[in-house]
Amino acid sequence: MKLDILVLAAHPDDAELACSGTIASAIARGKKVGIVDFTQGELGTRGTPEIRLREANDAAKILSLSARENLGFKDILFTDDTAHQLEIVKMIRKYQPEIILANAISDRHPDHAKGGEVASKACFVSGLRKVETSLNGQQQTPWRPKFVYHYIQNNYIQPDFVVDISDYWSTKMASIKAYKSQFFDPENKEPESFISSKNFLDFVEARAREFGHSINVTFGEGFTKERMIGIDDLFDLK
């Protein structure tokens, strides 16, 4: 299955928190979008890998994703090396996306910047014809996405562009709340984590309003670019 957009995420819920409004907007416009999670988030304070997988599948249904996979990398302990890059390359070549959305270039959680870096390198390696990979016994062909953008996560980064997600805010929040083990739930008796308080969801909304305000809309999601963006028509700018 060829995708228009492939989202690469260090943990289940990274994509939902940072760019699910953009995902929902693209899908509403007829684009095919998938997510590949690197880890199961198994070292998180709350939940289990099995619970996180069910939650990720629930979120995928809310967003109407065309595909979602988990590479099973070790949470916190995965590294930016050849072996991990090649596993990501297999996914890029499998889905042949035009656009990759990857983790933030820097962030509070070390897996996020690391995830963004390994994803960026894999996008380049994926286009090299002398790097051979196979999947399910089939030799894969080289593929390099046209664009790689990095979503913004916990730490504030000045975005290079902002996507208007105002019409998809409720979908974004529903996809986040699919992770019942991770986010605010007064019935959850597990230890509190950095992201489990109501204040964290308030922060998610405040950040979206801040980015939206910057382009005169209600809600927005910000991204950084790896190379200069070109346009054909000045009227394409919002």
Protein backbone atom coordinates (compact mmCIF):
# COMPACT_ATOMS: atom_id res chain seq x y z
CA MET A 1 0.00 0.00 0.00
CA LYS A 2 1.40 3.37 -1.00
CA LEU A 3 0.84 6.17 1.48
CA ASP A 4 0.84 9.90 0.93
CA ILE A 5 2.13 10.61 4.44
CA LEU A 6 4.02 8.33 6.82
CA VAL A 7 4.36 9.47 10.43
CA LEU A 8 7.36 8.08 12.33
CA ALA A 9 7.08 8.21 16.11
CA ALA A 10 9.34 7.08 18.95
CA HIS A 11 6.34 6.13 21.12
CA PRO A 12 2.67 5.33 20.69
CA ASP A 13 0.89 8.67 21.40
CA ASP A 14 3.72 10.91 20.05
CA ALA A 15 1.89 11.34 16.76
CA GLU A 16 -1.48 11.90 18.42
CA LEU A 17 -0.13 14.58 20.75
CA ALA A 18 1.91 16.45 18.15
CA CYS A 19 0.32 16.07 14.73
CA SER A 20 -2.99 14.17 14.81
CA GLY A 21 -4.89 17.27 13.71
CA THR A 22 -2.69 17.45 10.61
CA ILE A 23 -3.23 13.73 10.05
CA ALA A 24 -7.02 14.09 10.32
CA SER A 25 -7.00 17.09 7.99
CA ALA A 26 -4.98 15.22 5.35
CA ILE A 27 -7.24 12.16 5.54
CA ALA A 28 -10.33 14.34 5.19
CA ARG A 29 -8.79 15.59 1.94
CA GLY A 30 -8.47 12.07 0.63
CA LYS A 31 -4.84 11.39 1.53
CA LYS A 32 -3.64 8.04 2.84
CA VAL A 33 -1.74 8.31 6.10
CA GLY A 34 -0.03 5.71 8.28
CA ILE A 35 1.99 5.68 11.50
CA VAL A 36 5.02 3.57 12.39
CA ASP A 37 5.76 3.60 16.12
CA PHE A 38 9.33 2.69 17.02
CA THR A 39 8.80 1.42 20.59
CA GLN A 40 5.93 0.12 22.71
CA GLY A 41 6.53 2.74 25.38
CA GLU A 42 7.15 -0.12 27.77
CA LEU A 43 9.20 1.93 30.24
CA GLY A 44 6.48 4.50 30.75
CA THR A 45 5.20 5.05 34.28
CA ARG A 46 1.71 3.82 33.45
CA GLY A 47 0.22 1.00 31.45
CA THR A 48 1.80 -2.01 29.74
CA PRO A 49 2.93 -2.73 26.17
CA GLU A 50 -0.27 -4.72 25.61
CA ILE A 51 -2.45 -1.85 26.80
CA ARG A 52 -0.52 0.68 24.73
CA LEU A 53 -0.95 -1.47 21.63
CA ARG A 54 -4.72 -1.63 22.13
CA GLU A 55 -4.82 2.11 22.71
CA ALA A 56 -2.75 2.78 19.59
CA ASN A 57 -5.16 0.65 17.56
CA ASP A 58 -8.12 2.56 19.02
CA ALA A 59 -6.47 5.86 18.11
CA ALA A 60 -5.78 4.55 14.59
CA LYS A 61 -9.50 3.88 14.13
CA ILE A 62 -10.43 7.33 15.39
CA LEU A 63 -8.03 8.90 12.89
CA SER A 64 -9.00 6.49 10.05
CA LEU A 65 -5.37 5.58 9.40
CA SER A 66 -4.58 3.39 6.40
CA ALA A 67 -1.83 1.56 8.33
CA ARG A 68 -0.16 1.40 11.73
CA GLU A 69 2.83 -0.69 12.73
CA ASN A 70 5.18 -1.02 15.70
CA LEU A 71 8.86 -1.86 15.17
CA GLY A 72 9.44 -3.09 18.73
CA PHE A 73 12.56 -1.01 19.38
CA LYS A 74 13.59 -0.82 23.04
CA ASP A 75 12.03 2.14 24.81
CA ILE A 76 14.69 4.65 25.92
CA LEU A 77 17.46 2.21 24.94
CA PHE A 78 17.17 2.15 21.14
CA THR A 79 20.08 3.76 19.32
CA ASP A 80 20.67 5.67 16.13
CA ASP A 81 22.69 3.01 14.35
CA THR A 82 22.66 1.07 11.09
CA ALA A 83 20.45 -1.74 12.36
CA HIS A 84 17.70 0.61 13.54
CA GLN A 85 17.96 2.81 10.46
CA LEU A 86 17.49 -0.21 8.18
CA GLU A 87 14.33 -1.30 10.00
CA ILE A 88 12.88 2.15 9.34
CA VAL A 89 14.11 2.02 5.75
CA LYS A 90 12.04 -1.14 5.26
CA MET A 91 8.92 0.77 6.33
CA ILE A 92 9.70 3.73 4.08
CA ARG A 93 10.23 1.44 1.10
CA LYS A 94 7.13 -0.55 1.96
CA TYR A 95 4.80 2.46 2.05
CA GLN A 96 6.65 4.81 -0.34
CA PRO A 97 5.32 8.05 1.21
CA GLU A 98 5.71 11.45 -0.42
CA ILE A 99 5.96 13.11 3.00
CA ILE A 100 7.49 11.94 6.28
CA LEU A 101 6.50 13.51 9.60
CA ALA A 102 9.06 12.69 12.31
CA ASN A 103 9.78 13.43 15.95
CA ALA A 104 10.95 16.85 17.13
CA ILE A 105 14.54 17.87 16.48
CA SER A 106 14.98 18.41 20.24
CA ASP A 107 12.77 17.76 23.24
CA ARG A 108 12.46 16.91 26.93
CA HIS A 109 12.34 13.16 26.28
CA PRO A 110 15.64 11.85 24.84
CA ASP A 111 13.83 9.37 22.56
CA HIS A 112 12.17 12.23 20.69
CA ALA A 113 15.27 13.97 19.33
CA LYS A 114 16.88 10.56 18.82
CA GLY A 115 13.78 9.37 16.98
CA GLY A 116 13.79 12.44 14.76
CA GLU A 117 17.46 11.96 13.91
CA VAL A 118 17.27 8.25 13.11
CA ALA A 119 14.16 8.88 11.00
CA SER A 120 15.91 11.63 9.04
CA LYS A 121 18.93 9.44 8.32
CA ALA A 122 16.70 6.52 7.32
CA CYS A 123 14.91 8.73 4.79
CA PHE A 124 18.22 9.42 3.08
CA VAL A 125 19.47 5.83 3.26
CA SER A 126 16.17 4.59 1.84
CA GLY A 127 16.95 6.31 -1.44
CA LEU A 128 20.32 4.62 -1.93
CA ARG A 129 20.05 1.86 -4.52
CA LYS A 130 23.14 0.06 -3.21
CA VAL A 131 21.55 -0.37 0.22
CA GLU A 132 19.55 -3.57 -0.13
CA THR A 133 16.61 -4.53 2.05
CA SER A 134 13.93 -7.18 1.85
CA LEU A 135 10.58 -7.56 3.54
CA ASN A 136 8.62 -10.82 3.79
CA GLY A 137 11.11 -12.41 1.41
CA GLN A 138 10.67 -9.74 -1.26
CA GLN A 139 13.51 -7.48 -2.38
CA GLN A 140 12.60 -3.82 -1.90
CA THR A 141 13.24 -0.95 -4.28
CA PRO A 142 14.84 2.34 -3.18
CA TRP A 143 12.49 5.15 -2.18
CA ARG A 144 13.21 8.62 -0.84
CA PRO A 145 10.37 10.85 0.41
CA LYS A 146 10.12 14.27 -1.20
CA PHE A 147 9.78 16.07 2.13
CA VAL A 148 10.73 15.42 5.77
CA TYR A 149 9.13 17.61 8.43
CA HIS A 150 9.50 17.41 12.20
CA TYR A 151 6.52 17.95 14.48
CA ILE A 152 6.96 19.94 17.68
CA GLN A 153 6.45 18.15 21.00
CA ASN A 154 6.83 19.22 24.64
CA ASN A 155 9.56 21.86 24.30
CA TYR A 156 8.73 25.03 22.41
CA ILE A 157 10.46 25.31 19.03
CA GLN A 158 9.78 28.17 16.64
CA PRO A 159 7.88 26.49 13.79
CA ASP A 160 8.78 26.99 10.15
CA PHE A 161 5.11 26.58 9.27
CA VAL A 162 1.81 25.96 11.05
CA VAL A 163 -1.09 23.79 9.88
CA ASP A 164 -4.64 24.96 10.63
CA ILE A 165 -6.33 22.10 12.49
CA SER A 166 -9.33 24.03 13.82
CA ASP A 167 -11.87 21.78 12.09
CA TYR A 168 -10.17 18.66 13.46
CA TRP A 169 -9.58 19.62 17.08
CA SER A 170 -12.20 17.24 18.45
CA THR A 171 -10.71 14.36 16.43
CA LYS A 172 -7.24 15.19 17.75
CA MET A 173 -8.43 15.18 21.36
CA ALA A 174 -10.37 11.94 20.87
CA SER A 175 -7.24 10.26 19.49
CA ILE A 176 -5.20 11.46 22.48
CA LYS A 177 -7.80 10.31 24.99
CA ALA A 178 -7.76 6.85 23.40
CA TYR A 179 -4.62 6.41 25.53
CA LYS A 180 -6.62 6.05 28.73
CA SER A 181 -3.69 4.54 30.62
CA GLN A 182 -1.49 7.56 29.91
CA PHE A 183 -3.56 10.71 30.20
CA PHE A 184 -5.87 12.25 32.77
CA ASP A 185 -8.35 9.80 34.23
CA PRO A 186 -9.54 10.34 37.83
CA GLU A 187 -10.27 6.60 38.07
CA ASN A 188 -6.69 5.56 37.30
CA LYS A 189 -4.86 4.53 40.49
CA GLU A 190 -1.40 4.11 38.95
CA PRO A 191 1.38 6.55 39.94
CA GLU A 192 1.06 10.00 38.43
CA SER A 193 3.37 10.74 35.50
CA PHE A 194 4.52 13.86 33.68
CA ILE A 195 1.64 13.54 31.19
CA SER A 196 -1.15 12.11 33.35
CA SER A 197 -2.40 15.30 35.03
CA LYS A 198 -5.24 17.40 33.68
CA ASN A 199 -2.75 20.26 33.47
CA PHE A 200 -0.91 18.43 30.71
CA LEU A 201 -3.99 18.25 28.47
CA ASP A 202 -4.58 21.93 29.21
CA PHE A 203 -1.03 22.55 28.02
CA VAL A 204 -1.71 20.61 24.78
CA GLU A 205 -4.69 22.87 24.13
CA ALA A 206 -2.76 26.01 25.02
CA ARG A 207 0.06 25.09 22.64
CA ALA A 208 -2.43 24.44 19.82
CA ARG A 209 -4.13 27.75 20.49
CA GLU A 210 -0.75 29.53 20.51
CA PHE A 211 0.22 28.06 17.15
CA GLY A 212 -3.26 28.74 15.80
CA HIS A 213 -3.11 32.33 16.98
CA SER A 214 0.12 32.82 15.04
CA ILE A 215 -1.79 32.23 11.76
CA ASN A 216 -5.10 33.79 12.88
CA VAL A 217 -7.03 30.54 13.38
CA THR A 218 -8.24 28.78 16.52
CA PHE A 219 -5.97 25.72 16.62
CA GLY A 220 -2.72 24.89 14.86
CA GLU A 221 0.16 22.40 14.82
CA GLY A 222 3.70 23.53 14.18
CA PHE A 223 6.46 21.86 12.16
CA THR A 224 10.09 22.47 11.32
CA LYS A 225 11.63 21.80 7.93
CA GLU A 226 14.92 20.20 6.91
CA ARG A 227 15.35 22.20 3.73
CA MET A 228 13.91 25.29 2.10
CA ILE A 229 10.26 25.09 1.06
CA GLY A 230 9.43 26.30 -2.44
CA ILE A 231 6.06 27.43 -3.83
CA ASP A 232 4.72 28.18 -7.29
CA ASP A 233 2.25 30.87 -6.29
CA LEU A 234 2.39 33.49 -3.54
CA PHE A 235 -1.35 33.00 -3.09
CA ASP A 236 -0.69 29.49 -1.80
CA LEU A 237 0.45 31.12 1.46
CA LYS A 238 -2.20 31.42 4.16
